[in-house]
């Protein structure tokens, strides 16, 4: 445990630069006194650490010193080669950099760990896009990524679909890229607040000369989670009460998605004598709900609203009439 913590201190100082004992203690979830003892141990072992006092002080490693990755455990070494997903890296123009990084990591590992790490790439393949869907065409992704790295403003022409399709022009300050199920999204700051754009809808892009300061408190993962919650809340415009068979419950996630499944799990009644459960689920529009719920076939019954139930009945009757016709 202590050896792992000493390595963590070294890597933190190498990647973060100067850190105070309190900052190290918070990151490692130990006491400041423990950090002092660890720093003494590293110094005794010959690591060139030095401390500066004052408000901007802290511990720092002498420039030019680097440690090899010999402190990695077998599991950590194996996990290295799951960290870089080759498809998205290549789309960002970082494929060659990723390959070079892997070579350097492999060279730094002892022979036994090198063999175990290579085994991961041989036996695990990550395929990002979902089934039966082609990945987005994103010809401007590399340009967007470069502006993101350089903190340059972007002048873009963007195909907007809602409320009516039209092409708009925007000045964006890129903060982060997110790939979800093979689709790339760009999180940006604008003069009208923070926004998320689908990269495939960008028709033209040009990096501007203006460099901007990235917000120090920006957290990409947290921002994406909040954006996703807001998107779900705006997409779902109403609710439906449904009665589901056990099989219907099993099929719900594939047919209507995780947000609907979560809502059903929370609101579902106890099973009746036939195993049927009643739940309240979010829906977009009545027409969209019908198309989605029909994927569950006879494993779901809409109880309300009455207009949606009637639309389901009319659609089912029309399908029944179509298939009851005799064709020669």
C-alpha atoms as a PDB file:
ATOM      1  CA  UNK A   1       0.000   0.000   0.000  1.00  0.00           C
ATOM      2  CA  UNK A   2       2.740   2.456   0.897  1.00  0.00           C
ATOM      3  CA  UNK A   3       4.780   1.619  -2.211  1.00  0.00           C
ATOM      4  CA  UNK A   4       1.743   2.419  -4.362  1.00  0.00           C
ATOM      5  CA  UNK A   5       1.267   5.704  -2.515  1.00  0.00           C
ATOM      6  CA  UNK A   6       4.925   6.705  -2.971  1.00  0.00           C
ATOM      7  CA  UNK A   7       4.618   6.058  -6.703  1.00  0.00           C
ATOM      8  CA  UNK A   8       1.412   8.111  -6.770  1.00  0.00           C
ATOM      9  CA  UNK A   9       3.230  11.058  -5.171  1.00  0.00           C
ATOM     10  CA  UNK A  10       5.973  10.824  -7.773  1.00  0.00           C
ATOM     11  CA  UNK A  11       3.526  10.693 -10.682  1.00  0.00           C
ATOM     12  CA  UNK A  12       1.430  13.540  -9.258  1.00  0.00           C
ATOM     13  CA  UNK A  13       4.477  15.783  -8.917  1.00  0.00           C
ATOM     14  CA  UNK A  14       5.688  14.843 -12.396  1.00  0.00           C
ATOM     15  CA  UNK A  15       2.351  15.591 -14.037  1.00  0.00           C
ATOM     16  CA  UNK A  16       1.031  18.429 -11.849  1.00  0.00           C
ATOM     17  CA  UNK A  17       4.264  20.225 -10.982  1.00  0.00           C
ATOM     18  CA  UNK A  18       4.354  21.855  -7.553  1.00  0.00           C
ATOM     19  CA  UNK A  19       1.892  20.618  -4.906  1.00  0.00           C
ATOM     20  CA  UNK A  20       1.604  21.369  -1.212  1.00  0.00           C
ATOM     21  CA  UNK A  21       1.539  18.654   1.435  1.00  0.00           C
ATOM     22  CA  UNK A  22      -2.135  19.402   2.043  1.00  0.00           C
ATOM     23  CA  UNK A  23      -2.979  19.083  -1.671  1.00  0.00           C
ATOM     24  CA  UNK A  24      -1.143  15.750  -1.828  1.00  0.00           C
ATOM     25  CA  UNK A  25      -2.933  14.572   1.310  1.00  0.00           C
ATOM     26  CA  UNK A  26      -6.346  15.440  -0.176  1.00  0.00           C
ATOM     27  CA  UNK A  27      -5.610  13.658  -3.457  1.00  0.00           C
ATOM     28  CA  UNK A  28      -4.280  10.542  -1.723  1.00  0.00           C
ATOM     29  CA  UNK A  29      -6.893  10.635   1.080  1.00  0.00           C
ATOM     30  CA  UNK A  30      -4.295  10.440   3.854  1.00  0.00           C
ATOM     31  CA  UNK A  31      -3.136  12.793   6.604  1.00  0.00           C
ATOM     32  CA  UNK A  32      -0.637  15.592   6.050  1.00  0.00           C
ATOM     33  CA  UNK A  33       1.664  13.873   8.558  1.00  0.00           C
ATOM     34  CA  UNK A  34       1.640  10.745   6.357  1.00  0.00           C
ATOM     35  CA  UNK A  35       2.627  12.860   3.344  1.00  0.00           C
ATOM     36  CA  UNK A  36       5.571  14.313   5.302  1.00  0.00           C
ATOM     37  CA  UNK A  37       6.771  10.771   6.128  1.00  0.00           C
ATOM     38  CA  UNK A  38       6.397   9.693   2.494  1.00  0.00           C
ATOM     39  CA  UNK A  39       8.341  12.724   1.253  1.00  0.00           C
ATOM     40  CA  UNK A  40      11.151  11.865   3.697  1.00  0.00           C
ATOM     41  CA  UNK A  41      11.165   8.279   2.396  1.00  0.00           C
ATOM     42  CA  UNK A  42      11.401   9.436  -1.226  1.00  0.00           C
ATOM     43  CA  UNK A  43      14.221  11.860  -0.416  1.00  0.00           C
ATOM     44  CA  UNK A  44      16.122   9.128   1.449  1.00  0.00           C
ATOM     45  CA  UNK A  45      15.699   6.889  -1.619  1.00  0.00           C
ATOM     46  CA  UNK A  46      17.455   9.503  -3.756  1.00  0.00           C
ATOM     47  CA  UNK A  47      14.508  11.195  -5.442  1.00  0.00           C
ATOM     48  CA  UNK A  48      15.526  14.870  -6.000  1.00  0.00           C
ATOM     49  CA  UNK A  49      12.613  16.575  -4.229  1.00  0.00           C
ATOM     50  CA  UNK A  50      12.778  20.100  -2.873  1.00  0.00           C
ATOM     51  CA  UNK A  51      10.314  22.318  -1.025  1.00  0.00           C
ATOM     52  CA  UNK A  52       9.572  26.012  -1.362  1.00  0.00           C
ATOM     53  CA  UNK A  53       7.865  27.954   1.417  1.00  0.00           C
ATOM     54  CA  UNK A  54       5.372  30.772   1.157  1.00  0.00           C
ATOM     55  CA  UNK A  55       1.825  31.112  -0.273  1.00  0.00           C
ATOM     56  CA  UNK A  56       2.879  29.720  -3.673  1.00  0.00           C
ATOM     57  CA  UNK A  57       5.165  27.077  -2.209  1.00  0.00           C
ATOM     58  CA  UNK A  58       5.025  23.302  -2.160  1.00  0.00           C
ATOM     59  CA  UNK A  59       6.984  20.207  -3.121  1.00  0.00           C
ATOM     60  CA  UNK A  60       8.536  19.856  -6.553  1.00  0.00           C
ATOM     61  CA  UNK A  61      10.792  17.414  -8.393  1.00  0.00           C
ATOM     62  CA  UNK A  62      14.051  18.691  -9.837  1.00  0.00           C
ATOM     63  CA  UNK A  63      13.633  19.483 -13.537  1.00  0.00           C
ATOM     64  CA  UNK A  64      14.614  16.634 -15.831  1.00  0.00           C
ATOM     65  CA  UNK A  65      13.987  13.822 -13.338  1.00  0.00           C
ATOM     66  CA  UNK A  66      11.601  11.090 -14.477  1.00  0.00           C
ATOM     67  CA  UNK A  67      10.781   7.740 -12.945  1.00  0.00           C
ATOM     68  CA  UNK A  68      10.180   4.564 -14.929  1.00  0.00           C
ATOM     69  CA  UNK A  69       6.850   2.802 -14.591  1.00  0.00           C
ATOM     70  CA  UNK A  70       8.322  -0.123 -12.676  1.00  0.00           C
ATOM     71  CA  UNK A  71       5.888   0.396  -9.793  1.00  0.00           C
ATOM     72  CA  UNK A  72       2.882  -0.753 -11.791  1.00  0.00           C
ATOM     73  CA  UNK A  73       0.987  -3.803 -10.635  1.00  0.00           C
ATOM     74  CA  UNK A  74       0.015  -6.504 -13.129  1.00  0.00           C
ATOM     75  CA  UNK A  75      -3.607  -5.301 -13.185  1.00  0.00           C
ATOM     76  CA  UNK A  76      -2.536  -1.680 -13.713  1.00  0.00           C
ATOM     77  CA  UNK A  77      -0.247  -2.667 -16.570  1.00  0.00           C
ATOM     78  CA  UNK A  78      -3.049  -4.607 -18.244  1.00  0.00           C
ATOM     79  CA  UNK A  79      -5.463  -1.686 -17.873  1.00  0.00           C
ATOM     80  CA  UNK A  80      -3.095   0.686 -19.706  1.00  0.00           C
ATOM     81  CA  UNK A  81      -4.070  -0.830 -23.021  1.00  0.00           C
ATOM     82  CA  UNK A  82      -7.772  -0.323 -22.459  1.00  0.00           C
ATOM     83  CA  UNK A  83      -7.261   3.417 -21.851  1.00  0.00           C
ATOM     84  CA  UNK A  84      -6.611   4.364 -25.476  1.00  0.00           C
ATOM     85  CA  UNK A  85      -9.477   3.527 -27.821  1.00  0.00           C
ATOM     86  CA  UNK A  86      -7.893   3.425 -31.312  1.00  0.00           C
ATOM     87  CA  UNK A  87     -10.993   4.397 -33.322  1.00  0.00           C
ATOM     88  CA  UNK A  88     -11.770   7.725 -31.609  1.00  0.00           C
ATOM     89  CA  UNK A  89      -8.052   8.521 -31.293  1.00  0.00           C
ATOM     90  CA  UNK A  90      -7.594   8.129 -35.047  1.00  0.00           C
ATOM     91  CA  UNK A  91     -10.647  10.306 -35.732  1.00  0.00           C
ATOM     92  CA  UNK A  92      -9.078  13.039 -33.600  1.00  0.00           C
ATOM     93  CA  UNK A  93      -5.843  12.805 -35.566  1.00  0.00           C
ATOM     94  CA  UNK A  94      -4.052  11.215 -32.615  1.00  0.00           C
ATOM     95  CA  UNK A  95      -3.655   7.674 -33.954  1.00  0.00           C
ATOM     96  CA  UNK A  96       0.101   7.974 -34.500  1.00  0.00           C
ATOM     97  CA  UNK A  97       0.584   9.646 -31.119  1.00  0.00           C
ATOM     98  CA  UNK A  98      -1.359   6.858 -29.395  1.00  0.00           C
ATOM     99  CA  UNK A  99       0.753   4.180 -31.096  1.00  0.00           C
ATOM    100  CA  UNK A 100       3.986   5.944 -30.093  1.00  0.00           C
ATOM    101  CA  UNK A 101       2.777   6.309 -26.517  1.00  0.00           C
ATOM    102  CA  UNK A 102       1.961   2.611 -26.289  1.00  0.00           C
ATOM    103  CA  UNK A 103       5.438   1.717 -27.559  1.00  0.00           C
ATOM    104  CA  UNK A 104       7.061   3.914 -24.905  1.00  0.00           C
ATOM    105  CA  UNK A 105       4.878   2.454 -22.174  1.00  0.00           C
ATOM    106  CA  UNK A 106       5.682  -1.077 -23.275  1.00  0.00           C
ATOM    107  CA  UNK A 107       9.410  -0.311 -23.293  1.00  0.00           C
ATOM    108  CA  UNK A 108       9.210   1.050 -19.743  1.00  0.00           C
ATOM    109  CA  UNK A 109       7.525  -2.058 -18.343  1.00  0.00           C
ATOM    110  CA  UNK A 110       9.388  -5.094 -17.015  1.00  0.00           C
ATOM    111  CA  UNK A 111       9.208  -8.124 -19.303  1.00  0.00           C
ATOM    112  CA  UNK A 112       6.544  -9.968 -17.276  1.00  0.00           C
ATOM    113  CA  UNK A 113       4.194  -6.975 -17.135  1.00  0.00           C
ATOM    114  CA  UNK A 114       4.856  -6.175 -20.789  1.00  0.00           C
ATOM    115  CA  UNK A 115       3.558  -9.606 -21.747  1.00  0.00           C
ATOM    116  CA  UNK A 116       0.442  -9.255 -19.607  1.00  0.00           C
ATOM    117  CA  UNK A 117      -0.304  -5.759 -20.970  1.00  0.00           C
ATOM    118  CA  UNK A 118       0.002  -6.936 -24.586  1.00  0.00           C
ATOM    119  CA  UNK A 119      -2.462  -9.734 -23.814  1.00  0.00           C
ATOM    120  CA  UNK A 120      -5.235  -7.184 -23.274  1.00  0.00           C
ATOM    121  CA  UNK A 121      -4.965  -5.795 -26.811  1.00  0.00           C
ATOM    122  CA  UNK A 122      -4.994  -9.332 -28.216  1.00  0.00           C
ATOM    123  CA  UNK A 123      -8.128 -10.351 -26.319  1.00  0.00           C
ATOM    124  CA  UNK A 124     -10.255  -7.201 -25.872  1.00  0.00           C
ATOM    125  CA  UNK A 125     -11.572  -5.066 -28.725  1.00  0.00           C
ATOM    126  CA  UNK A 126     -13.666  -1.924 -28.160  1.00  0.00           C
ATOM    127  CA  UNK A 127     -16.216  -1.200 -30.909  1.00  0.00           C
ATOM    128  CA  UNK A 128     -17.830   2.140 -30.056  1.00  0.00           C
ATOM    129  CA  UNK A 129     -20.811   2.573 -32.464  1.00  0.00           C
ATOM    130  CA  UNK A 130     -24.099   0.836 -31.693  1.00  0.00           C
ATOM    131  CA  UNK A 131     -25.573  -2.006 -33.730  1.00  0.00           C
ATOM    132  CA  UNK A 132     -27.210  -1.308 -37.095  1.00  0.00           C
ATOM    133  CA  UNK A 133     -25.942   2.260 -37.263  1.00  0.00           C
ATOM    134  CA  UNK A 134     -23.114   3.794 -39.205  1.00  0.00           C
ATOM    135  CA  UNK A 135     -20.771   6.207 -37.419  1.00  0.00           C
ATOM    136  CA  UNK A 136     -21.302   9.898 -38.123  1.00  0.00           C
ATOM    137  CA  UNK A 137     -19.424  11.506 -40.985  1.00  0.00           C
ATOM    138  CA  UNK A 138     -17.259  14.073 -39.176  1.00  0.00           C
ATOM    139  CA  UNK A 139     -14.879  15.668 -41.709  1.00  0.00           C
ATOM    140  CA  UNK A 140     -14.235  18.664 -39.438  1.00  0.00           C
ATOM    141  CA  UNK A 141     -13.485  16.716 -36.243  1.00  0.00           C
ATOM    142  CA  UNK A 142      -9.685  17.062 -36.468  1.00  0.00           C
ATOM    143  CA  UNK A 143      -9.969  20.842 -36.990  1.00  0.00           C
ATOM    144  CA  UNK A 144     -12.336  21.119 -34.043  1.00  0.00           C
ATOM    145  CA  UNK A 145      -9.983  19.039 -31.891  1.00  0.00           C
ATOM    146  CA  UNK A 146      -6.982  21.222 -32.795  1.00  0.00           C
ATOM    147  CA  UNK A 147      -8.853  24.370 -31.779  1.00  0.00           C
ATOM    148  CA  UNK A 148      -9.802  22.613 -28.546  1.00  0.00           C
ATOM    149  CA  UNK A 149      -6.160  21.781 -27.738  1.00  0.00           C
ATOM    150  CA  UNK A 150      -4.988  25.304 -28.685  1.00  0.00           C
ATOM    151  CA  UNK A 151      -7.885  27.081 -26.907  1.00  0.00           C
ATOM    152  CA  UNK A 152      -8.807  28.967 -30.076  1.00  0.00           C
ATOM    153  CA  UNK A 153     -12.252  30.304 -30.888  1.00  0.00           C
ATOM    154  CA  UNK A 154     -14.076  28.645 -33.787  1.00  0.00           C
ATOM    155  CA  UNK A 155     -16.168  30.242 -36.505  1.00  0.00           C
ATOM    156  CA  UNK A 156     -18.607  27.502 -37.615  1.00  0.00           C
ATOM    157  CA  UNK A 157     -21.529  27.029 -39.971  1.00  0.00           C
ATOM    158  CA  UNK A 158     -23.903  24.537 -38.368  1.00  0.00           C
ATOM    159  CA  UNK A 159     -26.959  22.639 -39.622  1.00  0.00           C
ATOM    160  CA  UNK A 160     -29.679  23.149 -37.027  1.00  0.00           C
ATOM    161  CA  UNK A 161     -32.726  20.854 -37.177  1.00  0.00           C
ATOM    162  CA  UNK A 162     -35.041  22.276 -34.508  1.00  0.00           C
ATOM    163  CA  UNK A 163     -37.461  24.000 -34.504  1.00  0.00           C
ATOM    164  CA  UNK A 164     -37.041  24.138 -38.316  1.00  0.00           C
ATOM    165  CA  UNK A 165     -34.044  22.996 -40.408  1.00  0.00           C
ATOM    166  CA  UNK A 166     -31.693  25.852 -41.268  1.00  0.00           C
ATOM    167  CA  UNK A 167     -27.991  26.649 -41.430  1.00  0.00           C
ATOM    168  CA  UNK A 168     -26.653  29.068 -38.818  1.00  0.00           C
ATOM    169  CA  UNK A 169     -23.290  30.669 -38.117  1.00  0.00           C
ATOM    170  CA  UNK A 170     -21.805  30.735 -34.624  1.00  0.00           C
ATOM    171  CA  UNK A 171     -18.623  31.731 -32.785  1.00  0.00           C
ATOM    172  CA  UNK A 172     -17.745  28.970 -30.317  1.00  0.00           C
ATOM    173  CA  UNK A 173     -15.171  28.513 -27.559  1.00  0.00           C
ATOM    174  CA  UNK A 174     -14.561  24.736 -27.454  1.00  0.00           C
ATOM    175  CA  UNK A 175     -14.291  23.219 -23.967  1.00  0.00           C
ATOM    176  CA  UNK A 176     -14.460  19.473 -24.596  1.00  0.00           C
ATOM    177  CA  UNK A 177     -15.340  16.607 -26.926  1.00  0.00           C
ATOM    178  CA  UNK A 178     -17.569  13.676 -25.970  1.00  0.00           C
ATOM    179  CA  UNK A 179     -18.099  10.497 -28.004  1.00  0.00           C
ATOM    180  CA  UNK A 180     -21.323   8.657 -27.161  1.00  0.00           C
ATOM    181  CA  UNK A 181     -22.286   5.469 -29.026  1.00  0.00           C
ATOM    182  CA  UNK A 182     -20.080   6.495 -31.946  1.00  0.00           C
ATOM    183  CA  UNK A 183     -21.445  10.060 -32.122  1.00  0.00           C
ATOM    184  CA  UNK A 184     -19.174  13.034 -31.409  1.00  0.00           C
ATOM    185  CA  UNK A 185     -20.441  16.073 -29.482  1.00  0.00           C
ATOM    186  CA  UNK A 186     -18.660  19.387 -28.850  1.00  0.00           C
ATOM    187  CA  UNK A 187     -19.255  21.201 -25.554  1.00  0.00           C
ATOM    188  CA  UNK A 188     -18.663  24.939 -25.944  1.00  0.00           C
ATOM    189  CA  UNK A 189     -19.009  28.338 -24.351  1.00  0.00           C
ATOM    190  CA  UNK A 190     -20.851  30.993 -26.358  1.00  0.00           C
ATOM    191  CA  UNK A 191     -21.907  34.567 -25.671  1.00  0.00           C
ATOM    192  CA  UNK A 192     -25.331  33.116 -24.833  1.00  0.00           C
ATOM    193  CA  UNK A 193     -24.091  30.456 -22.423  1.00  0.00           C
ATOM    194  CA  UNK A 194     -22.868  26.868 -22.579  1.00  0.00           C
ATOM    195  CA  UNK A 195     -24.081  24.694 -25.454  1.00  0.00           C
ATOM    196  CA  UNK A 196     -23.570  21.220 -26.949  1.00  0.00           C
ATOM    197  CA  UNK A 197     -23.223  20.707 -30.710  1.00  0.00           C
ATOM    198  CA  UNK A 198     -23.241  17.515 -32.754  1.00  0.00           C
ATOM    199  CA  UNK A 199     -19.963  17.550 -34.688  1.00  0.00           C
ATOM    200  CA  UNK A 200     -21.494  15.817 -37.729  1.00  0.00           C
ATOM    201  CA  UNK A 201     -23.851  18.793 -38.180  1.00  0.00           C
ATOM    202  CA  UNK A 202     -20.944  21.224 -38.612  1.00  0.00           C
ATOM    203  CA  UNK A 203     -20.797  22.209 -42.293  1.00  0.00           C
ATOM    204  CA  UNK A 204     -17.724  24.469 -42.210  1.00  0.00           C
ATOM    205  CA  UNK A 205     -15.236  25.472 -39.530  1.00  0.00           C
ATOM    206  CA  UNK A 206     -12.380  27.931 -39.207  1.00  0.00           C
ATOM    207  CA  UNK A 207     -10.131  28.489 -36.208  1.00  0.00           C
ATOM    208  CA  UNK A 208      -9.925  32.174 -35.316  1.00  0.00           C
ATOM    209  CA  UNK A 209      -6.860  34.002 -34.088  1.00  0.00           C
ATOM    210  CA  UNK A 210      -8.456  34.801 -30.751  1.00  0.00           C
ATOM    211  CA  UNK A 211      -7.263  32.618 -27.893  1.00  0.00           C
ATOM    212  CA  UNK A 212      -9.570  32.264 -24.897  1.00  0.00           C
ATOM    213  CA  UNK A 213      -9.102  31.297 -21.278  1.00  0.00           C
ATOM    214  CA  UNK A 214     -10.677  27.965 -20.405  1.00  0.00           C
ATOM    215  CA  UNK A 215     -12.792  28.227 -17.202  1.00  0.00           C
ATOM    216  CA  UNK A 216     -10.667  26.902 -14.346  1.00  0.00           C
ATOM    217  CA  UNK A 217     -13.631  25.158 -12.709  1.00  0.00           C
ATOM    218  CA  UNK A 218     -14.963  23.465 -15.864  1.00  0.00           C
ATOM    219  CA  UNK A 219     -15.556  19.722 -15.424  1.00  0.00           C
ATOM    220  CA  UNK A 220     -16.315  18.002 -18.748  1.00  0.00           C
ATOM    221  CA  UNK A 221     -17.822  14.834 -17.249  1.00  0.00           C
ATOM    222  CA  UNK A 222     -20.080  16.789 -14.886  1.00  0.00           C
ATOM    223  CA  UNK A 223     -21.094  19.202 -17.649  1.00  0.00           C
ATOM    224  CA  UNK A 224     -22.001  16.316 -19.970  1.00  0.00           C
ATOM    225  CA  UNK A 225     -24.032  14.587 -17.264  1.00  0.00           C
ATOM    226  CA  UNK A 226     -26.015  17.776 -16.625  1.00  0.00           C
ATOM    227  CA  UNK A 227     -26.479  18.378 -20.363  1.00  0.00           C
ATOM    228  CA  UNK A 228     -27.777  14.817 -20.766  1.00  0.00           C
ATOM    229  CA  UNK A 229     -30.278  15.310 -17.930  1.00  0.00           C
ATOM    230  CA  UNK A 230     -31.506  18.564 -19.481  1.00  0.00           C
ATOM    231  CA  UNK A 231     -31.823  16.926 -22.899  1.00  0.00           C
ATOM    232  CA  UNK A 232     -33.927  14.093 -21.498  1.00  0.00           C
ATOM    233  CA  UNK A 233     -36.156  16.550 -19.634  1.00  0.00           C
ATOM    234  CA  UNK A 234     -36.840  18.573 -22.815  1.00  0.00           C
ATOM    235  CA  UNK A 235     -37.298  15.562 -25.113  1.00  0.00           C
ATOM    236  CA  UNK A 236     -39.923  13.890 -22.916  1.00  0.00           C
ATOM    237  CA  UNK A 237     -43.041  16.046 -23.083  1.00  0.00           C
ATOM    238  CA  UNK A 238     -45.506  13.823 -21.281  1.00  0.00           C
ATOM    239  CA  UNK A 239     -46.162  10.566 -19.463  1.00  0.00           C
ATOM    240  CA  UNK A 240     -48.000   7.341 -20.157  1.00  0.00           C
ATOM    241  CA  UNK A 241     -49.349   4.726 -17.781  1.00  0.00           C
ATOM    242  CA  UNK A 242     -48.696   1.214 -19.061  1.00  0.00           C
ATOM    243  CA  UNK A 243     -49.241  -2.352 -17.921  1.00  0.00           C
ATOM    244  CA  UNK A 244     -46.274  -4.603 -18.692  1.00  0.00           C
ATOM    245  CA  UNK A 245     -45.786  -8.355 -18.690  1.00  0.00           C
ATOM    246  CA  UNK A 246     -42.546  -9.746 -17.236  1.00  0.00           C
ATOM    247  CA  UNK A 247     -41.225 -10.106 -20.791  1.00  0.00           C
ATOM    248  CA  UNK A 248     -42.315  -6.532 -21.538  1.00  0.00           C
ATOM    249  CA  UNK A 249     -40.241  -5.289 -18.631  1.00  0.00           C
ATOM    250  CA  UNK A 250     -37.239  -7.173 -19.971  1.00  0.00           C
ATOM    251  CA  UNK A 251     -37.675  -5.669 -23.443  1.00  0.00           C
ATOM    252  CA  UNK A 252     -38.304  -2.126 -22.216  1.00  0.00           C
ATOM    253  CA  UNK A 253     -34.655  -0.999 -22.181  1.00  0.00           C
ATOM    254  CA  UNK A 254     -33.908  -2.104 -25.752  1.00  0.00           C
ATOM    255  CA  UNK A 255     -37.173  -0.695 -27.095  1.00  0.00           C
ATOM    256  CA  UNK A 256     -37.439   2.655 -25.323  1.00  0.00           C
ATOM    257  CA  UNK A 257     -34.030   3.355 -23.773  1.00  0.00           C
ATOM    258  CA  UNK A 258     -32.473   3.638 -20.302  1.00  0.00           C
ATOM    259  CA  UNK A 259     -34.337   6.791 -19.157  1.00  0.00           C
ATOM    260  CA  UNK A 260     -37.701   5.050 -19.688  1.00  0.00           C
ATOM    261  CA  UNK A 261     -36.416   1.907 -17.977  1.00  0.00           C
ATOM    262  CA  UNK A 262     -35.324   3.903 -14.908  1.00  0.00           C
ATOM    263  CA  UNK A 263     -38.716   5.588 -14.686  1.00  0.00           C
ATOM    264  CA  UNK A 264     -40.510   2.239 -14.979  1.00  0.00           C
ATOM    265  CA  UNK A 265     -38.341   0.663 -12.282  1.00  0.00           C
ATOM    266  CA  UNK A 266     -39.091   3.507  -9.872  1.00  0.00           C
ATOM    267  CA  UNK A 267     -42.847   3.710 -10.515  1.00  0.00           C
ATOM    268  CA  UNK A 268     -43.744   0.040 -11.097  1.00  0.00           C
ATOM    269  CA  UNK A 269     -46.384  -1.567  -8.922  1.00  0.00           C
ATOM    270  CA  UNK A 270     -46.022  -5.001  -7.389  1.00  0.00           C
ATOM    271  CA  UNK A 271     -46.826  -7.842  -9.856  1.00  0.00           C
ATOM    272  CA  UNK A 272     -50.457  -8.971  -9.900  1.00  0.00           C
ATOM    273  CA  UNK A 273     -51.589 -12.602 -10.005  1.00  0.00           C
ATOM    274  CA  UNK A 274     -50.551 -12.818 -13.663  1.00  0.00           C
ATOM    275  CA  UNK A 275     -47.175 -11.144 -13.123  1.00  0.00           C
ATOM    276  CA  UNK A 276     -48.325  -7.887 -14.744  1.00  0.00           C
ATOM    277  CA  UNK A 277     -47.018  -4.571 -13.376  1.00  0.00           C
ATOM    278  CA  UNK A 278     -48.270  -1.026 -13.880  1.00  0.00           C
ATOM    279  CA  UNK A 279     -45.756   1.775 -14.398  1.00  0.00           C
ATOM    280  CA  UNK A 280     -45.581   5.422 -15.450  1.00  0.00           C
ATOM    281  CA  UNK A 281     -43.065   6.166 -18.197  1.00  0.00           C
ATOM    282  CA  UNK A 282     -41.976   9.392 -19.968  1.00  0.00           C
ATOM    283  CA  UNK A 283     -42.922   9.846 -23.625  1.00  0.00           C
ATOM    284  CA  UNK A 284     -42.051  12.347 -26.356  1.00  0.00           C
ATOM    285  CA  UNK A 285     -45.163  12.713 -28.555  1.00  0.00           C
ATOM    286  CA  UNK A 286     -48.141  10.396 -28.944  1.00  0.00           C
ATOM    287  CA  UNK A 287     -47.049   9.385 -32.454  1.00  0.00           C
ATOM    288  CA  UNK A 288     -43.521   8.663 -31.267  1.00  0.00           C
ATOM    289  CA  UNK A 289     -44.821   6.715 -28.258  1.00  0.00           C
ATOM    290  CA  UNK A 290     -46.975   4.509 -30.506  1.00  0.00           C
ATOM    291  CA  UNK A 291     -44.023   3.676 -32.755  1.00  0.00           C
ATOM    292  CA  UNK A 292     -41.877   2.806 -29.734  1.00  0.00           C
ATOM    293  CA  UNK A 293     -44.472   0.863 -27.737  1.00  0.00           C
ATOM    294  CA  UNK A 294     -45.447  -1.264 -30.746  1.00  0.00           C
ATOM    295  CA  UNK A 295     -41.951  -2.730 -30.538  1.00  0.00           C
ATOM    296  CA  UNK A 296     -43.122  -4.475 -27.348  1.00  0.00           C
ATOM    297  CA  UNK A 297     -45.970  -6.157 -29.272  1.00  0.00           C
ATOM    298  CA  UNK A 298     -48.619  -7.638 -26.939  1.00  0.00           C
ATOM    299  CA  UNK A 299     -46.331  -7.398 -23.887  1.00  0.00           C
ATOM    300  CA  UNK A 300     -47.581  -3.865 -23.115  1.00  0.00           C
ATOM    301  CA  UNK A 301     -51.010  -2.269 -22.691  1.00  0.00           C
ATOM    302  CA  UNK A 302     -51.433   1.512 -22.591  1.00  0.00           C
ATOM    303  CA  UNK A 303     -53.846   2.521 -19.816  1.00  0.00           C
ATOM    304  CA  UNK A 304     -53.564   6.279 -20.276  1.00  0.00           C
ATOM    305  CA  UNK A 305     -53.778   8.979 -21.429  1.00  0.00           C
ATOM    306  CA  UNK A 306     -57.013   8.045 -23.205  1.00  0.00           C
ATOM    307  CA  UNK A 307     -55.887   9.709 -26.454  1.00  0.00           C
ATOM    308  CA  UNK A 308     -52.721   7.596 -26.562  1.00  0.00           C
ATOM    309  CA  UNK A 309     -54.678   4.406 -25.760  1.00  0.00           C
ATOM    310  CA  UNK A 310     -57.108   5.172 -28.593  1.00  0.00           C
ATOM    311  CA  UNK A 311     -54.243   5.852 -31.002  1.00  0.00           C
ATOM    312  CA  UNK A 312     -52.620   2.521 -30.047  1.00  0.00           C
ATOM    313  CA  UNK A 313     -55.948   0.738 -30.619  1.00  0.00           C
ATOM    314  CA  UNK A 314     -56.506   2.410 -34.002  1.00  0.00           C
ATOM    315  CA  UNK A 315     -52.962   1.548 -35.117  1.00  0.00           C
ATOM    316  CA  UNK A 316     -53.291  -2.063 -33.983  1.00  0.00           C
ATOM    317  CA  UNK A 317     -56.674  -2.348 -35.766  1.00  0.00           C
ATOM    318  CA  UNK A 318     -55.207  -0.935 -38.973  1.00  0.00           C
ATOM    319  CA  UNK A 319     -52.346  -3.440 -38.817  1.00  0.00           C
ATOM    320  CA  UNK A 320     -54.802  -6.271 -38.143  1.00  0.00           C
ATOM    321  CA  UNK A 321     -56.991  -5.233 -41.080  1.00  0.00           C
ATOM    322  CA  UNK A 322     -53.972  -5.064 -43.373  1.00  0.00           C
ATOM    323  CA  UNK A 323     -52.863  -8.579 -42.514  1.00  0.00           C
ATOM    324  CA  UNK A 324     -56.348 -10.062 -42.602  1.00  0.00           C
ATOM    325  CA  UNK A 325     -56.618  -9.327 -46.328  1.00  0.00           C
ATOM    326  CA  UNK A 326     -56.197 -12.261 -48.674  1.00  0.00           C
ATOM    327  CA  UNK A 327     -53.627 -11.897 -51.417  1.00  0.00           C
ATOM    328  CA  UNK A 328     -53.365 -14.167 -54.412  1.00  0.00           C
END
